[in-house]
Amino acid sequence: MKEVNNDKRVLQVEIDNNVKKVAITGVDADDKVVMRQELNEDDLDQITGGVFKANIKQPTKCNFLKI
């Protein structure tokens, strides 16, 4: 049976205000996509504390989806 490693790494990315969309794709050693997350301008505003039109009860944390 293959052992699963649940350790996580933190990634910090700085972008300027002209960036309107970000896509993050994670691949494993075999170049297989293991996660993908796309952030549009509203998402970027929300997670960076900028002005956004969203439901205040929404969390402001970015959760990556595993595929």
PDB file of N, CA and C in Angstrom:
ATOM      1  N   MET A   1       0.837  -1.172   0.000  1.00  0.00           N
ATOM      2  CA  MET A   1       0.000   0.000   0.000  1.00  0.00           C
ATOM      3  C   MET A   1       0.895   1.253   0.000  1.00  0.00           C
ATOM      4  N   LYS A   2       0.496   2.271  -0.763  1.00  0.00           N
ATOM      5  CA  LYS A   2       1.267   3.514  -0.858  1.00  0.00           C
ATOM      6  C   LYS A   2       0.968   4.419   0.337  1.00  0.00           C
ATOM      7  N   GLU A   3       2.026   4.934   0.944  1.00  0.00           N
ATOM      8  CA  GLU A   3       1.870   5.835   2.083  1.00  0.00           C
ATOM      9  C   GLU A   3       1.496   7.228   1.599  1.00  0.00           C
ATOM     10  N   VAL A   4       0.495   7.849   2.242  1.00  0.00           N
ATOM     11  CA  VAL A   4       0.039   9.189   1.863  1.00  0.00           C
ATOM     12  C   VAL A   4       0.669  10.214   2.787  1.00  0.00           C
ATOM     13  N   ASN A   5       1.276  11.235   2.197  1.00  0.00           N
ATOM     14  CA  ASN A   5       1.894  12.320   2.966  1.00  0.00           C
ATOM     15  C   ASN A   5       0.937  13.509   2.974  1.00  0.00           C
ATOM     16  N   ASN A   6       0.440  13.886   4.153  1.00  0.00           N
ATOM     17  CA  ASN A   6      -0.508  14.986   4.267  1.00  0.00           C
ATOM     18  C   ASN A   6       0.152  16.302   4.673  1.00  0.00           C
ATOM     19  N   ASP A   7       1.489  16.372   4.636  1.00  0.00           N
ATOM     20  CA  ASP A   7       2.178  17.614   4.959  1.00  0.00           C
ATOM     21  C   ASP A   7       1.835  18.667   3.913  1.00  0.00           C
ATOM     22  N   LYS A   8       1.751  19.904   4.324  1.00  0.00           N
ATOM     23  CA  LYS A   8       1.395  21.009   3.427  1.00  0.00           C
ATOM     24  C   LYS A   8       2.535  22.009   3.379  1.00  0.00           C
ATOM     25  N   ARG A   9       2.628  22.722   2.262  1.00  0.00           N
ATOM     26  CA  ARG A   9       3.598  23.811   2.112  1.00  0.00           C
ATOM     27  C   ARG A   9       2.823  25.092   1.865  1.00  0.00           C
ATOM     28  N   VAL A  10       3.366  26.207   2.333  1.00  0.00           N
ATOM     29  CA  VAL A  10       2.721  27.507   2.172  1.00  0.00           C
ATOM     30  C   VAL A  10       3.354  28.223   0.988  1.00  0.00           C
ATOM     31  N   LEU A  11       2.520  28.781   0.138  1.00  0.00           N
ATOM     32  CA  LEU A  11       2.981  29.525  -1.027  1.00  0.00           C
ATOM     33  C   LEU A  11       2.491  30.958  -0.897  1.00  0.00           C
ATOM     34  N   GLN A  12       3.412  31.908  -0.984  1.00  0.00           N
ATOM     35  CA  GLN A  12       3.044  33.323  -0.928  1.00  0.00           C
ATOM     36  C   GLN A  12       3.387  33.952  -2.274  1.00  0.00           C
ATOM     37  N   VAL A  13       2.407  34.612  -2.875  1.00  0.00           N
ATOM     38  CA  VAL A  13       2.576  35.205  -4.195  1.00  0.00           C
ATOM     39  C   VAL A  13       2.169  36.670  -4.128  1.00  0.00           C
ATOM     40  N   GLU A  14       2.996  37.528  -4.685  1.00  0.00           N
ATOM     41  CA  GLU A  14       2.652  38.948  -4.770  1.00  0.00           C
ATOM     42  C   GLU A  14       2.396  39.296  -6.224  1.00  0.00           C
ATOM     43  N   ILE A  15       1.294  39.989  -6.479  1.00  0.00           N
ATOM     44  CA  ILE A  15       0.951  40.434  -7.823  1.00  0.00           C
ATOM     45  C   ILE A  15       0.611  41.913  -7.768  1.00  0.00           C
ATOM     46  N   ASP A  16       0.764  42.602  -8.906  1.00  0.00           N
ATOM     47  CA  ASP A  16       0.409  44.018  -8.881  1.00  0.00           C
ATOM     48  C   ASP A  16      -1.076  44.185  -9.185  1.00  0.00           C
ATOM     49  N   ASN A  17      -1.568  45.409  -9.098  1.00  0.00           N
ATOM     50  CA  ASN A  17      -2.993  45.685  -9.244  1.00  0.00           C
ATOM     51  C   ASN A  17      -3.504  45.498 -10.670  1.00  0.00           C
ATOM     52  N   ASN A  18      -2.618  45.357 -11.648  1.00  0.00           N
ATOM     53  CA  ASN A  18      -3.056  45.169 -13.030  1.00  0.00           C
ATOM     54  C   ASN A  18      -3.475  43.733 -13.317  1.00  0.00           C
ATOM     55  N   VAL A  19      -3.145  42.798 -12.434  1.00  0.00           N
ATOM     56  CA  VAL A  19      -3.505  41.396 -12.637  1.00  0.00           C
ATOM     57  C   VAL A  19      -4.989  41.231 -12.322  1.00  0.00           C
ATOM     58  N   LYS A  20      -5.727  40.652 -13.267  1.00  0.00           N
ATOM     59  CA  LYS A  20      -7.173  40.493 -13.109  1.00  0.00           C
ATOM     60  C   LYS A  20      -7.603  39.048 -12.937  1.00  0.00           C
ATOM     61  N   LYS A  21      -6.719  38.083 -13.221  1.00  0.00           N
ATOM     62  CA  LYS A  21      -7.052  36.670 -13.111  1.00  0.00           C
ATOM     63  C   LYS A  21      -5.785  35.872 -12.840  1.00  0.00           C
ATOM     64  N   VAL A  22      -5.880  34.888 -11.947  1.00  0.00           N
ATOM     65  CA  VAL A  22      -4.743  34.033 -11.608  1.00  0.00           C
ATOM     66  C   VAL A  22      -5.210  32.578 -11.662  1.00  0.00           C
ATOM     67  N   ALA A  23      -4.393  31.732 -12.261  1.00  0.00           N
ATOM     68  CA  ALA A  23      -4.660  30.293 -12.259  1.00  0.00           C
ATOM     69  C   ALA A  23      -3.447  29.594 -11.656  1.00  0.00           C
ATOM     70  N   ILE A  24      -3.703  28.719 -10.696  1.00  0.00           N
ATOM     71  CA  ILE A  24      -2.641  27.976 -10.027  1.00  0.00           C
ATOM     72  C   ILE A  24      -2.887  26.495 -10.295  1.00  0.00           C
ATOM     73  N   THR A  25      -1.894  25.831 -10.849  1.00  0.00           N
ATOM     74  CA  THR A  25      -2.006  24.407 -11.135  1.00  0.00           C
ATOM     75  C   THR A  25      -0.851  23.681 -10.464  1.00  0.00           C
ATOM     76  N   GLY A  26      -1.160  22.650  -9.723  1.00  0.00           N
ATOM     77  CA  GLY A  26      -0.137  21.845  -9.076  1.00  0.00           C
ATOM     78  C   GLY A  26      -0.019  20.504  -9.776  1.00  0.00           C
ATOM     79  N   VAL A  27       1.204  20.112 -10.079  1.00  0.00           N
ATOM     80  CA  VAL A  27       1.439  18.816 -10.712  1.00  0.00           C
ATOM     81  C   VAL A  27       2.373  17.989  -9.839  1.00  0.00           C
ATOM     82  N   ASP A  28       2.251  16.669  -9.951  1.00  0.00           N
ATOM     83  CA  ASP A  28       3.124  15.793  -9.171  1.00  0.00           C
ATOM     84  C   ASP A  28       4.362  15.415  -9.983  1.00  0.00           C
ATOM     85  N   ALA A  29       5.150  14.507  -9.471  1.00  0.00           N
ATOM     86  CA  ALA A  29       6.407  14.118 -10.126  1.00  0.00           C
ATOM     87  C   ALA A  29       6.183  13.516 -11.511  1.00  0.00           C
ATOM     88  N   ASP A  30       4.983  13.003 -11.766  1.00  0.00           N
ATOM     89  CA  ASP A  30       4.655  12.405 -13.065  1.00  0.00           C
ATOM     90  C   ASP A  30       3.945  13.394 -13.984  1.00  0.00           C
ATOM     91  N   ASP A  31       3.980  14.681 -13.643  1.00  0.00           N
ATOM     92  CA  ASP A  31       3.282  15.749 -14.387  1.00  0.00           C
ATOM     93  C   ASP A  31       1.772  15.551 -14.433  1.00  0.00           C
ATOM     94  N   LYS A  32       1.224  14.841 -13.481  1.00  0.00           N
ATOM     95  CA  LYS A  32      -0.219  14.669 -13.359  1.00  0.00           C
ATOM     96  C   LYS A  32      -0.767  15.840 -12.534  1.00  0.00           C
ATOM     97  N   VAL A  33      -1.823  16.482 -13.013  1.00  0.00           N
ATOM     98  CA  VAL A  33      -2.425  17.603 -12.281  1.00  0.00           C
ATOM     99  C   VAL A  33      -3.072  17.067 -11.015  1.00  0.00           C
ATOM    100  N   VAL A  34      -2.621  17.599  -9.872  1.00  0.00           N
ATOM    101  CA  VAL A  34      -3.158  17.163  -8.585  1.00  0.00           C
ATOM    102  C   VAL A  34      -4.011  18.230  -7.913  1.00  0.00           C
ATOM    103  N   MET A  35      -3.936  19.468  -8.396  1.00  0.00           N
ATOM    104  CA  MET A  35      -4.820  20.529  -7.910  1.00  0.00           C
ATOM    105  C   MET A  35      -4.840  21.671  -8.912  1.00  0.00           C
ATOM    106  N   ARG A  36      -5.959  22.389  -8.958  1.00  0.00           N
ATOM    107  CA  ARG A  36      -6.083  23.560  -9.821  1.00  0.00           C
ATOM    108  C   ARG A  36      -7.047  24.528  -9.174  1.00  0.00           C
ATOM    109  N   GLN A  37      -6.676  25.802  -9.152  1.00  0.00           N
ATOM    110  CA  GLN A  37      -7.526  26.842  -8.595  1.00  0.00           C
ATOM    111  C   GLN A  37      -7.438  28.068  -9.487  1.00  0.00           C
ATOM    112  N   GLU A  38      -8.576  28.610  -9.872  1.00  0.00           N
ATOM    113  CA  GLU A  38      -8.609  29.850 -10.655  1.00  0.00           C
ATOM    114  C   GLU A  38      -9.235  30.939  -9.798  1.00  0.00           C
ATOM    115  N   LEU A  39      -8.625  32.098  -9.808  1.00  0.00           N
ATOM    116  CA  LEU A  39      -9.124  33.248  -9.051  1.00  0.00           C
ATOM    117  C   LEU A  39      -9.391  34.382 -10.025  1.00  0.00           C
ATOM    118  N   ASN A  40     -10.625  34.925 -10.002  1.00  0.00           N
ATOM    119  CA  ASN A  40     -10.927  36.076 -10.852  1.00  0.00           C
ATOM    120  C   ASN A  40     -10.698  37.359 -10.050  1.00  0.00           C
ATOM    121  N   GLU A  41     -11.004  38.486 -10.649  1.00  0.00           N
ATOM    122  CA  GLU A  41     -10.727  39.771 -10.000  1.00  0.00           C
ATOM    123  C   GLU A  41     -11.466  39.917  -8.666  1.00  0.00           C
ATOM    124  N   ASP A  42     -12.724  39.471  -8.607  1.00  0.00           N
ATOM    125  CA  ASP A  42     -13.471  39.553  -7.346  1.00  0.00           C
ATOM    126  C   ASP A  42     -12.840  38.663  -6.271  1.00  0.00           C
ATOM    127  N   ASP A  43     -12.415  37.456  -6.654  1.00  0.00           N
ATOM    128  CA  ASP A  43     -11.740  36.566  -5.698  1.00  0.00           C
ATOM    129  C   ASP A  43     -10.461  37.211  -5.175  1.00  0.00           C
ATOM    130  N   LEU A  44      -9.660  37.795  -6.092  1.00  0.00           N
ATOM    131  CA  LEU A  44      -8.404  38.432  -5.693  1.00  0.00           C
ATOM    132  C   LEU A  44      -8.656  39.586  -4.732  1.00  0.00           C
ATOM    133  N   ASP A  45      -9.680  40.397  -5.015  1.00  0.00           N
ATOM    134  CA  ASP A  45     -10.026  41.497  -4.107  1.00  0.00           C
ATOM    135  C   ASP A  45     -10.425  40.963  -2.737  1.00  0.00           C
ATOM    136  N   GLN A  46     -11.196  39.888  -2.730  1.00  0.00           N
ATOM    137  CA  GLN A  46     -11.681  39.334  -1.460  1.00  0.00           C
ATOM    138  C   GLN A  46     -10.542  38.796  -0.603  1.00  0.00           C
ATOM    139  N   ILE A  47      -9.632  38.029  -1.188  1.00  0.00           N
ATOM    140  CA  ILE A  47      -8.579  37.414  -0.360  1.00  0.00           C
ATOM    141  C   ILE A  47      -7.456  38.381  -0.013  1.00  0.00           C
ATOM    142  N   THR A  48      -7.384  39.531  -0.702  1.00  0.00           N
ATOM    143  CA  THR A  48      -6.349  40.507  -0.369  1.00  0.00           C
ATOM    144  C   THR A  48      -6.893  41.672   0.447  1.00  0.00           C
ATOM    145  N   GLY A  49      -8.177  41.622   0.790  1.00  0.00           N
ATOM    146  CA  GLY A  49      -8.758  42.666   1.619  1.00  0.00           C
ATOM    147  C   GLY A  49      -9.159  43.898   0.838  1.00  0.00           C
ATOM    148  N   GLY A  50      -9.240  43.798  -0.466  1.00  0.00           N
ATOM    149  CA  GLY A  50      -9.652  44.927  -1.301  1.00  0.00           C
ATOM    150  C   GLY A  50     -11.151  45.107  -1.290  1.00  0.00           C
ATOM    151  N   VAL A  51     -11.612  46.027  -2.071  1.00  0.00           N
ATOM    152  CA  VAL A  51     -13.045  46.276  -2.180  1.00  0.00           C
ATOM    153  C   VAL A  51     -13.641  45.207  -3.089  1.00  0.00           C
ATOM    154  N   PHE A  52     -14.731  44.611  -2.639  1.00  0.00           N
ATOM    155  CA  PHE A  52     -15.368  43.575  -3.436  1.00  0.00           C
ATOM    156  C   PHE A  52     -16.850  43.553  -3.148  1.00  0.00           C
ATOM    157  N   LYS A  53     -17.624  42.998  -4.065  1.00  0.00           N
ATOM    158  CA  LYS A  53     -19.052  42.843  -3.832  1.00  0.00           C
ATOM    159  C   LYS A  53     -19.312  41.364  -3.604  1.00  0.00           C
ATOM    160  N   ALA A  54     -19.362  40.991  -2.351  1.00  0.00           N
ATOM    161  CA  ALA A  54     -19.595  39.597  -2.000  1.00  0.00           C
ATOM    162  C   ALA A  54     -20.393  39.548  -0.709  1.00  0.00           C
ATOM    163  N   ASN A  55     -20.956  38.415  -0.433  1.00  0.00           N
ATOM    164  CA  ASN A  55     -21.696  38.209   0.799  1.00  0.00           C
ATOM    165  C   ASN A  55     -20.717  38.278   1.969  1.00  0.00           C
ATOM    166  N   ILE A  56     -20.999  39.144   2.947  1.00  0.00           N
ATOM    167  CA  ILE A  56     -20.084  39.342   4.077  1.00  0.00           C
ATOM    168  C   ILE A  56     -19.875  38.052   4.866  1.00  0.00           C
ATOM    169  N   LYS A  57     -20.821  37.135   4.835  1.00  0.00           N
ATOM    170  CA  LYS A  57     -20.689  35.898   5.598  1.00  0.00           C
ATOM    171  C   LYS A  57     -19.758  34.903   4.913  1.00  0.00           C
ATOM    172  N   GLN A  58     -19.329  35.188   3.690  1.00  0.00           N
ATOM    173  CA  GLN A  58     -18.403  34.298   3.011  1.00  0.00           C
ATOM    174  C   GLN A  58     -17.034  34.357   3.663  1.00  0.00           C
ATOM    175  N   PRO A  59     -16.356  33.211   3.777  1.00  0.00           N
ATOM    176  CA  PRO A  59     -14.997  33.246   4.316  1.00  0.00           C
ATOM    177  C   PRO A  59     -14.051  33.943   3.350  1.00  0.00           C
ATOM    178  N   THR A  60     -13.025  34.595   3.886  1.00  0.00           N
ATOM    179  CA  THR A  60     -12.062  35.298   3.036  1.00  0.00           C
ATOM    180  C   THR A  60     -10.789  34.483   2.879  1.00  0.00           C
ATOM    181  N   LYS A  61     -10.884  33.201   3.061  1.00  0.00           N
ATOM    182  CA  LYS A  61      -9.742  32.303   2.975  1.00  0.00           C
ATOM    183  C   LYS A  61      -9.792  31.581   1.632  1.00  0.00           C
ATOM    184  N   CYS A  62      -8.648  31.376   1.021  1.00  0.00           N
ATOM    185  CA  CYS A  62      -8.563  30.690  -0.265  1.00  0.00           C
ATOM    186  C   CYS A  62      -8.306  29.205  -0.020  1.00  0.00           C
ATOM    187  N   ASN A  63      -9.250  28.381  -0.400  1.00  0.00           N
ATOM    188  CA  ASN A  63      -9.097  26.929  -0.265  1.00  0.00           C
ATOM    189  C   ASN A  63      -8.820  26.342  -1.641  1.00  0.00           C
ATOM    190  N   PHE A  64      -7.749  25.586  -1.796  1.00  0.00           N
ATOM    191  CA  PHE A  64      -7.420  24.962  -3.066  1.00  0.00           C
ATOM    192  C   PHE A  64      -8.205  23.677  -3.221  1.00  0.00           C
ATOM    193  N   LEU A  65      -8.728  23.468  -4.410  1.00  0.00           N
ATOM    194  CA  LEU A  65      -9.473  22.262  -4.708  1.00  0.00           C
ATOM    195  C   LEU A  65      -8.529  21.191  -5.206  1.00  0.00           C
ATOM    196  N   LYS A  66      -8.649  20.001  -4.689  1.00  0.00           N
ATOM    197  CA  LYS A  66      -7.853  18.882  -5.177  1.00  0.00           C
ATOM    198  C   LYS A  66      -8.660  18.159  -6.237  1.00  0.00           C
ATOM    199  N   ILE A  67      -8.007  17.855  -7.359  1.00  0.00           N
ATOM    200  CA  ILE A  67      -8.695  17.151  -8.449  1.00  0.00           C
ATOM    201  C   ILE A  67      -8.260  15.702  -8.433  1.00  0.00           C
TER     202      ILE A  67
END
